[in-house]
PDB file of all heavy atoms in Angstrom:
ATOM      1  N   GLN A   1     -11.440   6.741   9.757  1.00  0.00           N
ATOM      2  CA  GLN A   1     -11.657   6.286   8.380  1.00  0.00           C
ATOM      3  C   GLN A   1     -11.099   7.295   7.382  1.00  0.00           C
ATOM      4  O   GLN A   1     -10.445   6.929   6.396  1.00  0.00           O
ATOM      5  CB  GLN A   1     -13.154   6.074   8.137  1.00  0.00           C
ATOM      6  CG  GLN A   1     -13.466   5.489   6.771  1.00  0.00           C
ATOM      7  CD  GLN A   1     -14.948   5.235   6.588  1.00  0.00           C
ATOM      8  OE1 GLN A   1     -15.779   6.092   6.884  1.00  0.00           O
ATOM      9  NE2 GLN A   1     -15.285   4.053   6.107  1.00  0.00           N
ATOM     10  N   THR A   2     -11.340   8.581   7.628  1.00  0.00           N
ATOM     11  CA  THR A   2     -10.834   9.638   6.743  1.00  0.00           C
ATOM     12  C   THR A   2      -9.310   9.624   6.696  1.00  0.00           C
ATOM     13  O   THR A   2      -8.694   9.731   5.635  1.00  0.00           O
ATOM     14  CB  THR A   2     -11.333  11.011   7.217  1.00  0.00           C
ATOM     15  OG1 THR A   2     -12.757  11.040   7.151  1.00  0.00           O
ATOM     16  CG2 THR A   2     -10.765  12.125   6.346  1.00  0.00           C
ATOM     17  N   ALA A   3      -8.688   9.494   7.872  1.00  0.00           N
ATOM     18  CA  ALA A   3      -7.234   9.480   7.942  1.00  0.00           C
ATOM     19  C   ALA A   3      -6.653   8.276   7.220  1.00  0.00           C
ATOM     20  O   ALA A   3      -5.656   8.398   6.476  1.00  0.00           O
ATOM     21  CB  ALA A   3      -6.778   9.500   9.400  1.00  0.00           C
ATOM     22  N   GLU A   4      -7.255   7.116   7.404  1.00  0.00           N
ATOM     23  CA  GLU A   4      -6.745   5.915   6.753  1.00  0.00           C
ATOM     24  C   GLU A   4      -6.900   6.001   5.234  1.00  0.00           C
ATOM     25  O   GLU A   4      -6.017   5.567   4.488  1.00  0.00           O
ATOM     26  CB  GLU A   4      -7.465   4.681   7.306  1.00  0.00           C
ATOM     27  CG  GLU A   4      -7.044   4.341   8.735  1.00  0.00           C
ATOM     28  CD  GLU A   4      -7.793   3.158   9.317  1.00  0.00           C
ATOM     29  OE1 GLU A   4      -8.877   2.828   8.775  1.00  0.00           O
ATOM     30  OE2 GLU A   4      -7.298   2.573  10.302  1.00  0.00           O
ATOM     31  N   GLN A   5      -8.006   6.566   4.766  1.00  0.00           N
ATOM     32  CA  GLN A   5      -8.199   6.741   3.327  1.00  0.00           C
ATOM     33  C   GLN A   5      -7.174   7.718   2.763  1.00  0.00           C
ATOM     34  O   GLN A   5      -6.628   7.499   1.679  1.00  0.00           O
ATOM     35  CB  GLN A   5      -9.618   7.235   3.047  1.00  0.00           C
ATOM     36  CG  GLN A   5     -10.698   6.182   3.268  1.00  0.00           C
ATOM     37  CD  GLN A   5     -12.097   6.740   3.103  1.00  0.00           C
ATOM     38  OE1 GLN A   5     -12.312   7.953   3.087  1.00  0.00           O
ATOM     39  NE2 GLN A   5     -13.060   5.843   2.968  1.00  0.00           N
ATOM     40  N   TRP A   6      -6.904   8.787   3.495  1.00  0.00           N
ATOM     41  CA  TRP A   6      -5.913   9.763   3.031  1.00  0.00           C
ATOM     42  C   TRP A   6      -4.525   9.143   2.974  1.00  0.00           C
ATOM     43  O   TRP A   6      -3.771   9.383   2.030  1.00  0.00           O
ATOM     44  CB  TRP A   6      -5.911  10.986   3.940  1.00  0.00           C
ATOM     45  CG  TRP A   6      -4.906  12.022   3.520  1.00  0.00           C
ATOM     46  CD1 TRP A   6      -5.049  12.960   2.535  1.00  0.00           C
ATOM     47  CD2 TRP A   6      -3.593  12.212   4.056  1.00  0.00           C
ATOM     48  NE1 TRP A   6      -3.908  13.721   2.424  1.00  0.00           N
ATOM     49  CE2 TRP A   6      -3.003  13.279   3.350  1.00  0.00           C
ATOM     50  CE3 TRP A   6      -2.861  11.588   5.066  1.00  0.00           C
ATOM     51  CZ2 TRP A   6      -1.702  13.737   3.627  1.00  0.00           C
ATOM     52  CZ3 TRP A   6      -1.581  12.032   5.333  1.00  0.00           C
ATOM     53  CH2 TRP A   6      -1.008  13.096   4.621  1.00  0.00           C
ATOM     54  N   LEU A   7      -4.192   8.328   3.944  1.00  0.00           N
ATOM     55  CA  LEU A   7      -2.873   7.699   3.978  1.00  0.00           C
ATOM     56  C   LEU A   7      -2.672   6.748   2.795  1.00  0.00           C
ATOM     57  O   LEU A   7      -1.544   6.567   2.322  1.00  0.00           O
ATOM     58  CB  LEU A   7      -2.685   6.942   5.286  1.00  0.00           C
ATOM     59  CG  LEU A   7      -2.414   7.816   6.512  1.00  0.00           C
ATOM     60  CD1 LEU A   7      -2.648   7.028   7.794  1.00  0.00           C
ATOM     61  CD2 LEU A   7      -0.993   8.386   6.477  1.00  0.00           C
ATOM     62  N   GLU A   8      -3.748   6.178   2.286  1.00  0.00           N
ATOM     63  CA  GLU A   8      -3.632   5.285   1.129  1.00  0.00           C
ATOM     64  C   GLU A   8      -3.272   6.043  -0.130  1.00  0.00           C
ATOM     65  O   GLU A   8      -2.557   5.520  -0.999  1.00  0.00           O
ATOM     66  CB  GLU A   8      -4.953   4.535   0.924  1.00  0.00           C
ATOM     67  CG  GLU A   8      -5.235   3.471   1.972  1.00  0.00           C
ATOM     68  CD  GLU A   8      -6.563   2.792   1.741  1.00  0.00           C
ATOM     69  OE1 GLU A   8      -7.214   3.095   0.708  1.00  0.00           O
ATOM     70  OE2 GLU A   8      -6.955   1.949   2.567  1.00  0.00           O
ATOM     71  N   ALA A   9      -3.729   7.293  -0.268  1.00  0.00           N
ATOM     72  CA  ALA A   9      -3.440   8.111  -1.462  1.00  0.00           C
ATOM     73  C   ALA A   9      -3.413   9.576  -1.042  1.00  0.00           C
ATOM     74  O   ALA A   9      -4.375  10.319  -1.241  1.00  0.00           O
ATOM     75  CB  ALA A   9      -4.493   7.885  -2.541  1.00  0.00           C
ATOM     76  N   PRO A  10      -2.305  10.010  -0.437  1.00  0.00           N
ATOM     77  CA  PRO A  10      -2.271  11.355   0.120  1.00  0.00           C
ATOM     78  C   PRO A  10      -2.278  12.481  -0.907  1.00  0.00           C
ATOM     79  O   PRO A  10      -2.697  13.594  -0.609  1.00  0.00           O
ATOM     80  CB  PRO A  10      -0.964  11.371   0.921  1.00  0.00           C
ATOM     81  CG  PRO A  10      -0.144  10.279   0.348  1.00  0.00           C
ATOM     82  CD  PRO A  10      -1.102   9.229  -0.105  1.00  0.00           C
ATOM     83  N   VAL A  11      -1.801  12.198  -2.143  1.00  0.00           N
ATOM     84  CA  VAL A  11      -1.740  13.240  -3.160  1.00  0.00           C
ATOM     85  C   VAL A  11      -2.632  12.866  -4.326  1.00  0.00           C
ATOM     86  O   VAL A  11      -2.507  11.783  -4.896  1.00  0.00           O
ATOM     87  CB  VAL A  11      -0.292  13.448  -3.668  1.00  0.00           C
ATOM     88  CG1 VAL A  11      -0.254  14.553  -4.718  1.00  0.00           C
ATOM     89  CG2 VAL A  11       0.638  13.779  -2.516  1.00  0.00           C
ATOM     90  N   ASP A  12      -3.547  13.765  -4.669  1.00  0.00           N
ATOM     91  CA  ASP A  12      -4.356  13.568  -5.867  1.00  0.00           C
ATOM     92  C   ASP A  12      -3.697  14.348  -6.994  1.00  0.00           C
ATOM     93  O   ASP A  12      -2.832  13.850  -7.684  1.00  0.00           O
ATOM     94  CB  ASP A  12      -5.786  14.034  -5.595  1.00  0.00           C
ATOM     95  CG  ASP A  12      -6.711  13.775  -6.768  1.00  0.00           C
ATOM     96  OD1 ASP A  12      -6.284  13.100  -7.717  1.00  0.00           O
ATOM     97  OD2 ASP A  12      -7.854  14.249  -6.748  1.00  0.00           O
ATOM     98  N   THR A  13      -4.094  15.582  -7.226  1.00  0.00           N
ATOM     99  CA  THR A  13      -3.441  16.412  -8.235  1.00  0.00           C
ATOM    100  C   THR A  13      -2.851  17.673  -7.616  1.00  0.00           C
ATOM    101  O   THR A  13      -2.018  18.317  -8.223  1.00  0.00           O
ATOM    102  CB  THR A  13      -4.429  16.819  -9.337  1.00  0.00           C
ATOM    103  OG1 THR A  13      -5.555  17.481  -8.750  1.00  0.00           O
ATOM    104  CG2 THR A  13      -4.907  15.599 -10.116  1.00  0.00           C
ATOM    105  N   ASP A  14      -3.282  18.027  -6.405  1.00  0.00           N
ATOM    106  CA  ASP A  14      -2.859  19.267  -5.770  1.00  0.00           C
ATOM    107  C   ASP A  14      -1.940  18.952  -4.596  1.00  0.00           C
ATOM    108  O   ASP A  14      -2.376  18.504  -3.536  1.00  0.00           O
ATOM    109  CB  ASP A  14      -4.100  20.037  -5.288  1.00  0.00           C
ATOM    110  CG  ASP A  14      -3.766  21.458  -4.836  1.00  0.00           C
ATOM    111  OD1 ASP A  14      -2.606  21.688  -4.418  1.00  0.00           O
ATOM    112  OD2 ASP A  14      -4.646  22.311  -4.903  1.00  0.00           O
ATOM    113  N   PHE A  15      -0.641  19.179  -4.802  1.00  0.00           N
ATOM    114  CA  PHE A  15       0.358  18.838  -3.786  1.00  0.00           C
ATOM    115  C   PHE A  15       0.205  19.696  -2.535  1.00  0.00           C
ATOM    116  O   PHE A  15       0.306  19.223  -1.415  1.00  0.00           O
ATOM    117  CB  PHE A  15       1.754  18.989  -4.385  1.00  0.00           C
ATOM    118  CG  PHE A  15       2.812  18.265  -3.639  1.00  0.00           C
ATOM    119  CD1 PHE A  15       2.997  16.909  -3.818  1.00  0.00           C
ATOM    120  CD2 PHE A  15       3.634  18.922  -2.746  1.00  0.00           C
ATOM    121  CE1 PHE A  15       3.987  16.229  -3.134  1.00  0.00           C
ATOM    122  CE2 PHE A  15       4.619  18.246  -2.051  1.00  0.00           C
ATOM    123  CZ  PHE A  15       4.794  16.905  -2.245  1.00  0.00           C
ATOM    124  N   LYS A  16      -0.047  21.002  -2.736  1.00  0.00           N
ATOM    125  CA  LYS A  16      -0.203  21.901  -1.591  1.00  0.00           C
ATOM    126  C   LYS A  16      -1.428  21.514  -0.770  1.00  0.00           C
ATOM    127  O   LYS A  16      -1.409  21.603   0.459  1.00  0.00           O
ATOM    128  CB  LYS A  16      -0.315  23.347  -2.082  1.00  0.00           C
ATOM    129  CG  LYS A  16       0.982  23.912  -2.654  1.00  0.00           C
ATOM    130  CD  LYS A  16       0.823  25.355  -3.061  1.00  0.00           C
ATOM    131  CE  LYS A  16       2.121  25.914  -3.621  1.00  0.00           C
ATOM    132  NZ  LYS A  16       1.962  27.328  -4.065  1.00  0.00           N
ATOM    133  N   ALA A  17      -2.470  21.074  -1.466  1.00  0.00           N
ATOM    134  CA  ALA A  17      -3.671  20.656  -0.742  1.00  0.00           C
ATOM    135  C   ALA A  17      -3.398  19.422   0.105  1.00  0.00           C
ATOM    136  O   ALA A  17      -3.956  19.267   1.202  1.00  0.00           O
ATOM    137  CB  ALA A  17      -4.809  20.362  -1.728  1.00  0.00           C
ATOM    138  N   ALA A  18      -2.523  18.540  -0.375  1.00  0.00           N
ATOM    139  CA  ALA A  18      -2.177  17.337   0.397  1.00  0.00           C
ATOM    140  C   ALA A  18      -1.482  17.711   1.697  1.00  0.00           C
ATOM    141  O   ALA A  18      -1.754  17.129   2.754  1.00  0.00           O
ATOM    142  CB  ALA A  18      -1.294  16.423  -0.434  1.00  0.00           C
ATOM    143  N   ILE A  19      -0.583  18.670   1.639  1.00  0.00           N
ATOM    144  CA  ILE A  19       0.110  19.116   2.842  1.00  0.00           C
ATOM    145  C   ILE A  19      -0.872  19.769   3.810  1.00  0.00           C
ATOM    146  O   ILE A  19      -0.834  19.532   5.031  1.00  0.00           O
ATOM    147  CB  ILE A  19       1.260  20.074   2.476  1.00  0.00           C
ATOM    148  CG1 ILE A  19       2.327  19.313   1.682  1.00  0.00           C
ATOM    149  CG2 ILE A  19       1.868  20.708   3.721  1.00  0.00           C
ATOM    150  CD1 ILE A  19       3.452  20.183   1.168  1.00  0.00           C
ATOM    151  N   ALA A  20      -1.773  20.596   3.266  1.00  0.00           N
ATOM    152  CA  ALA A  20      -2.789  21.237   4.106  1.00  0.00           C
ATOM    153  C   ALA A  20      -3.693  20.196   4.757  1.00  0.00           C
ATOM    154  O   ALA A  20      -4.067  20.332   5.933  1.00  0.00           O
ATOM    155  CB  ALA A  20      -3.605  22.225   3.277  1.00  0.00           C
ATOM    156  N   THR A  21      -4.033  19.158   4.014  1.00  0.00           N
ATOM    157  CA  THR A  21      -4.879  18.098   4.569  1.00  0.00           C
ATOM    158  C   THR A  21      -4.168  17.383   5.714  1.00  0.00           C
ATOM    159  O   THR A  21      -4.783  17.048   6.737  1.00  0.00           O
ATOM    160  CB  THR A  21      -5.253  17.084   3.473  1.00  0.00           C
ATOM    161  OG1 THR A  21      -5.992  17.746   2.455  1.00  0.00           O
ATOM    162  CG2 THR A  21      -6.093  15.940   4.046  1.00  0.00           C
ATOM    163  N   SER A  22      -2.864  17.132   5.543  1.00  0.00           N
ATOM    164  CA  SER A  22      -2.117  16.463   6.610  1.00  0.00           C
ATOM    165  C   SER A  22      -2.132  17.296   7.896  1.00  0.00           C
ATOM    166  O   SER A  22      -2.289  16.755   9.000  1.00  0.00           O
ATOM    167  CB  SER A  22      -0.675  16.199   6.169  1.00  0.00           C
ATOM    168  OG  SER A  22       0.084  17.389   6.107  1.00  0.00           O
ATOM    169  N   GLU A  23      -2.008  18.613   7.747  1.00  0.00           N
ATOM    170  CA  GLU A  23      -2.017  19.482   8.918  1.00  0.00           C
ATOM    171  C   GLU A  23      -3.389  19.479   9.605  1.00  0.00           C
ATOM    172  O   GLU A  23      -3.483  19.434  10.830  1.00  0.00           O
ATOM    173  CB  GLU A  23      -1.627  20.909   8.503  1.00  0.00           C
ATOM    174  CG  GLU A  23      -0.182  21.013   8.019  1.00  0.00           C
ATOM    175  CD  GLU A  23       0.127  22.363   7.411  1.00  0.00           C
ATOM    176  OE1 GLU A  23      -0.826  23.140   7.174  1.00  0.00           O
ATOM    177  OE2 GLU A  23       1.320  22.640   7.152  1.00  0.00           O
ATOM    178  N   ALA A  24      -4.445  19.505   8.781  1.00  0.00           N
ATOM    179  CA  ALA A  24      -5.799  19.494   9.345  1.00  0.00           C
ATOM    180  C   ALA A  24      -6.093  18.163  10.040  1.00  0.00           C
ATOM    181  O   ALA A  24      -6.697  18.131  11.121  1.00  0.00           O
ATOM    182  CB  ALA A  24      -6.817  19.746   8.229  1.00  0.00           C
ATOM    183  N   LEU A  25      -5.652  17.063   9.434  1.00  0.00           N
ATOM    184  CA  LEU A  25      -5.868  15.746  10.040  1.00  0.00           C
ATOM    185  C   LEU A  25      -5.134  15.636  11.377  1.00  0.00           C
ATOM    186  O   LEU A  25      -5.678  15.103  12.359  1.00  0.00           O
ATOM    187  CB  LEU A  25      -5.403  14.648   9.091  1.00  0.00           C
ATOM    188  CG  LEU A  25      -6.357  14.256   7.973  1.00  0.00           C
ATOM    189  CD1 LEU A  25      -5.677  13.281   7.023  1.00  0.00           C
ATOM    190  CD2 LEU A  25      -7.630  13.627   8.533  1.00  0.00           C
ATOM    191  N   LEU A  26      -3.909  16.122  11.417  1.00  0.00           N
ATOM    192  CA  LEU A  26      -3.145  16.064  12.669  1.00  0.00           C
ATOM    193  C   LEU A  26      -3.855  16.836  13.775  1.00  0.00           C
ATOM    194  O   LEU A  26      -3.940  16.380  14.914  1.00  0.00           O
ATOM    195  CB  LEU A  26      -1.735  16.619  12.453  1.00  0.00           C
ATOM    196  CG  LEU A  26      -0.739  15.685  11.784  1.00  0.00           C
ATOM    197  CD1 LEU A  26       0.556  16.420  11.464  1.00  0.00           C
ATOM    198  CD2 LEU A  26      -0.456  14.479  12.672  1.00  0.00           C
ATOM    199  N   ASP A  27      -4.367  18.009  13.425  1.00  0.00           N
ATOM    200  CA  ASP A  27      -5.070  18.826  14.413  1.00  0.00           C
ATOM    201  C   ASP A  27      -6.310  18.094  14.938  1.00  0.00           C
ATOM    202  O   ASP A  27      -6.557  18.042  16.163  1.00  0.00           O
ATOM    203  CB  ASP A  27      -5.462  20.164  13.777  1.00  0.00           C
ATOM    204  CG  ASP A  27      -6.120  21.095  14.780  1.00  0.00           C
ATOM    205  OD1 ASP A  27      -5.477  21.421  15.796  1.00  0.00           O
ATOM    206  OD2 ASP A  27      -7.288  21.465  14.565  1.00  0.00           O
ATOM    207  N   GLU A  28      -7.085  17.507  14.031  1.00  0.00           N
ATOM    208  CA  GLU A  28      -8.298  16.798  14.440  1.00  0.00           C
ATOM    209  C   GLU A  28      -7.973  15.546  15.253  1.00  0.00           C
ATOM    210  O   GLU A  28      -8.670  15.227  16.233  1.00  0.00           O
ATOM    211  CB  GLU A  28      -9.131  16.431  13.215  1.00  0.00           C
ATOM    212  CG  GLU A  28      -9.807  17.607  12.536  1.00  0.00           C
ATOM    213  CD  GLU A  28     -10.808  17.154  11.490  1.00  0.00           C
ATOM    214  OE1 GLU A  28     -11.816  16.520  11.868  1.00  0.00           O
ATOM    215  OE2 GLU A  28     -10.574  17.411  10.303  1.00  0.00           O
ATOM    216  N   LEU A  29      -6.960  14.805  14.824  1.00  0.00           N
ATOM    217  CA  LEU A  29      -6.592  13.589  15.551  1.00  0.00           C
ATOM    218  C   LEU A  29      -6.103  13.919  16.962  1.00  0.00           C
ATOM    219  O   LEU A  29      -6.421  13.206  17.920  1.00  0.00           O
ATOM    220  CB  LEU A  29      -5.503  12.830  14.778  1.00  0.00           C
ATOM    221  CG  LEU A  29      -5.967  12.115  13.509  1.00  0.00           C
ATOM    222  CD1 LEU A  29      -4.768  11.707  12.655  1.00  0.00           C
ATOM    223  CD2 LEU A  29      -6.820  10.890  13.848  1.00  0.00           C
ATOM    224  N   GLN A  30      -5.342  15.003  17.085  1.00  0.00           N
ATOM    225  CA  GLN A  30      -4.842  15.385  18.411  1.00  0.00           C
ATOM    226  C   GLN A  30      -5.990  15.854  19.306  1.00  0.00           C
ATOM    227  O   GLN A  30      -5.985  15.581  20.525  1.00  0.00           O
ATOM    228  CB  GLN A  30      -3.781  16.471  18.243  1.00  0.00           C
ATOM    229  CG  GLN A  30      -2.469  15.925  17.695  1.00  0.00           C
ATOM    230  CD  GLN A  30      -1.533  17.002  17.182  1.00  0.00           C
ATOM    231  OE1 GLN A  30      -1.924  18.157  17.011  1.00  0.00           O
ATOM    232  NE2 GLN A  30      -0.293  16.622  16.909  1.00  0.00           N
ATOM    233  N   GLN A  31      -6.987  16.518  18.724  1.00  0.00           N
ATOM    234  CA  GLN A  31      -8.166  16.899  19.507  1.00  0.00           C
ATOM    235  C   GLN A  31      -8.939  15.653  19.946  1.00  0.00           C
ATOM    236  O   GLN A  31      -9.429  15.570  21.085  1.00  0.00           O
ATOM    237  CB  GLN A  31      -9.067  17.821  18.688  1.00  0.00           C
ATOM    238  CG  GLN A  31      -8.500  19.221  18.480  1.00  0.00           C
ATOM    239  CD  GLN A  31      -9.483  20.122  17.750  1.00  0.00           C
ATOM    240  OE1 GLN A  31     -10.684  20.054  17.987  1.00  0.00           O
ATOM    241  NE2 GLN A  31      -8.971  20.959  16.860  1.00  0.00           N
ATOM    242  N   ALA A  32      -9.060  14.685  19.041  1.00  0.00           N
ATOM    243  CA  ALA A  32      -9.792  13.455  19.358  1.00  0.00           C
ATOM    244  C   ALA A  32      -9.123  12.684  20.476  1.00  0.00           C
ATOM    245  O   ALA A  32      -9.800  12.012  21.281  1.00  0.00           O
ATOM    246  CB  ALA A  32      -9.901  12.586  18.104  1.00  0.00           C
ATOM    247  N   MET A  33      -7.789  12.782  20.561  1.00  0.00           N
ATOM    248  CA  MET A  33      -7.056  12.105  21.631  1.00  0.00           C
ATOM    249  C   MET A  33      -7.475  12.606  23.013  1.00  0.00           C
ATOM    250  O   MET A  33      -7.397  11.871  24.003  1.00  0.00           O
ATOM    251  CB  MET A  33      -5.549  12.322  21.445  1.00  0.00           C
ATOM    252  CG  MET A  33      -4.911  11.513  20.350  1.00  0.00           C
ATOM    253  SD  MET A  33      -4.494   9.844  20.885  1.00  0.00           S
ATOM    254  CE  MET A  33      -2.998  10.159  21.834  1.00  0.00           C
ATOM    255  N   ARG A  34      -7.943  13.854  23.078  1.00  0.00           N
ATOM    256  CA  ARG A  34      -8.279  14.456  24.366  1.00  0.00           C
ATOM    257  C   ARG A  34      -9.727  14.203  24.770  1.00  0.00           C
ATOM    258  O   ARG A  34     -10.132  14.566  25.878  1.00  0.00           O
ATOM    259  CB  ARG A  34      -8.018  15.966  24.301  1.00  0.00           C
ATOM    260  CG  ARG A  34      -6.533  16.322  24.131  1.00  0.00           C
ATOM    261  CD  ARG A  34      -6.294  17.801  24.330  1.00  0.00           C
ATOM    262  NE  ARG A  34      -6.779  18.598  23.221  1.00  0.00           N
ATOM    263  CZ  ARG A  34      -6.079  18.908  22.148  1.00  0.00           C
ATOM    264  NH1 ARG A  34      -4.816  18.493  22.034  1.00  0.00           N
ATOM    265  NH2 ARG A  34      -6.596  19.667  21.187  1.00  0.00           N
ATOM    266  N   GLU A  35     -10.490  13.583  23.874  1.00  0.00           N
ATOM    267  CA  GLU A  35     -11.896  13.316  24.195  1.00  0.00           C
ATOM    268  C   GLU A  35     -12.026  12.144  25.163  1.00  0.00           C
ATOM    269  O   GLU A  35     -11.238  11.196  25.116  1.00  0.00           O
ATOM    270  CB  GLU A  35     -12.670  13.014  22.901  1.00  0.00           C
ATOM    271  CG  GLU A  35     -12.769  14.199  21.952  1.00  0.00           C
ATOM    272  CD  GLU A  35     -13.474  13.839  20.653  1.00  0.00           C
ATOM    273  OE1 GLU A  35     -13.874  12.655  20.509  1.00  0.00           O
ATOM    274  OE2 GLU A  35     -13.632  14.718  19.792  1.00  0.00           O
ATOM    275  N   PRO A  36     -13.028  12.186  26.051  1.00  0.00           N
ATOM    276  CA  PRO A  36     -13.248  11.065  26.982  1.00  0.00           C
ATOM    277  C   PRO A  36     -13.529   9.766  26.215  1.00  0.00           C
ATOM    278  O   PRO A  36     -14.265   9.755  25.236  1.00  0.00           O
ATOM    279  CB  PRO A  36     -14.489  11.499  27.774  1.00  0.00           C
ATOM    280  CG  PRO A  36     -14.527  12.994  27.633  1.00  0.00           C
ATOM    281  CD  PRO A  36     -13.982  13.290  26.275  1.00  0.00           C
ATOM    282  N   GLY A  37     -12.913   8.704  26.660  1.00  0.00           N
ATOM    283  CA  GLY A  37     -13.136   7.397  26.055  1.00  0.00           C
ATOM    284  C   GLY A  37     -12.436   7.200  24.720  1.00  0.00           C
ATOM    285  O   GLY A  37     -12.720   6.237  24.005  1.00  0.00           O
ATOM    286  N   ALA A  38     -11.529   8.102  24.363  1.00  0.00           N
ATOM    287  CA  ALA A  38     -10.847   7.992  23.077  1.00  0.00           C
ATOM    288  C   ALA A  38      -9.960   6.745  23.037  1.00  0.00           C
ATOM    289  O   ALA A  38      -9.365   6.357  24.050  1.00  0.00           O
ATOM    290  CB  ALA A  38      -9.991   9.237  22.837  1.00  0.00           C
ATOM    291  N   ASP A  39      -9.890   6.142  21.866  1.00  0.00           N
ATOM    292  CA  ASP A  39      -8.988   4.995  21.660  1.00  0.00           C
ATOM    293  C   ASP A  39      -7.601   5.564  21.370  1.00  0.00           C
ATOM    294  O   ASP A  39      -7.175   5.698  20.212  1.00  0.00           O
ATOM    295  CB  ASP A  39      -9.500   4.145  20.483  1.00  0.00           C
ATOM    296  CG  ASP A  39      -8.683   2.864  20.296  1.00  0.00           C
ATOM    297  OD1 ASP A  39      -7.602   2.759  20.896  1.00  0.00           O
ATOM    298  OD2 ASP A  39      -9.134   1.985  19.535  1.00  0.00           O
ATOM    299  N   ARG A  40      -6.895   5.916  22.429  1.00  0.00           N
ATOM    300  CA  ARG A  40      -5.637   6.654  22.273  1.00  0.00           C
ATOM    301  C   ARG A  40      -4.561   5.830  21.568  1.00  0.00           C
ATOM    302  O   ARG A  40      -3.710   6.374  20.874  1.00  0.00           O
ATOM    303  CB  ARG A  40      -5.147   7.140  23.636  1.00  0.00           C
ATOM    304  CG  ARG A  40      -6.021   8.230  24.220  1.00  0.00           C
ATOM    305  CD  ARG A  40      -5.511   8.724  25.573  1.00  0.00           C
ATOM    306  NE  ARG A  40      -6.272   9.865  26.036  1.00  0.00           N
ATOM    307  CZ  ARG A  40      -7.461   9.782  26.628  1.00  0.00           C
ATOM    308  NH1 ARG A  40      -8.006   8.582  26.840  1.00  0.00           N
ATOM    309  NH2 ARG A  40      -8.103  10.861  27.014  1.00  0.00           N
ATOM    310  N   ARG A  41      -4.612   4.531  21.755  1.00  0.00           N
ATOM    311  CA  ARG A  41      -3.609   3.698  21.089  1.00  0.00           C
ATOM    312  C   ARG A  41      -3.769   3.764  19.568  1.00  0.00           C
ATOM    313  O   ARG A  41      -2.795   3.943  18.846  1.00  0.00           O
ATOM    314  CB  ARG A  41      -3.735   2.259  21.575  1.00  0.00           C
ATOM    315  CG  ARG A  41      -2.699   1.320  20.979  1.00  0.00           C
ATOM    316  CD  ARG A  41      -2.793  -0.058  21.617  1.00  0.00           C
ATOM    317  NE  ARG A  41      -1.798  -0.974  21.066  1.00  0.00           N
ATOM    318  CZ  ARG A  41      -1.653  -2.228  21.445  1.00  0.00           C
ATOM    319  NH1 ARG A  41      -2.440  -2.713  22.410  1.00  0.00           N
ATOM    320  NH2 ARG A  41      -0.738  -3.002  20.912  1.00  0.00           N
ATOM    321  N   ARG A  42      -5.011   3.634  19.108  1.00  0.00           N
ATOM    322  CA  ARG A  42      -5.260   3.679  17.673  1.00  0.00           C
ATOM    323  C   ARG A  42      -5.017   5.071  17.119  1.00  0.00           C
ATOM    324  O   ARG A  42      -4.389   5.235  16.050  1.00  0.00           O
ATOM    325  CB  ARG A  42      -6.692   3.240  17.385  1.00  0.00           C
ATOM    326  CG  ARG A  42      -6.982   3.081  15.889  1.00  0.00           C
ATOM    327  CD  ARG A  42      -8.388   2.551  15.670  1.00  0.00           C
ATOM    328  NE  ARG A  42      -8.613   2.241  14.268  1.00  0.00           N
ATOM    329  CZ  ARG A  42      -9.795   1.870  13.770  1.00  0.00           C
ATOM    330  NH1 ARG A  42     -10.836   1.733  14.572  1.00  0.00           N
ATOM    331  NH2 ARG A  42      -9.926   1.616  12.483  1.00  0.00           N
TER     332      ARG A  42
END
């Protein structure tokens, strides 16, 4: 849900923060992929 909301409006007023958020989301999503029972396709 967080990732989908961010993708709808990735930049608010802080451009650097948007890039940092993308990096943090990628890290979390990749960790979630390794969890048992993860919906890897989604």
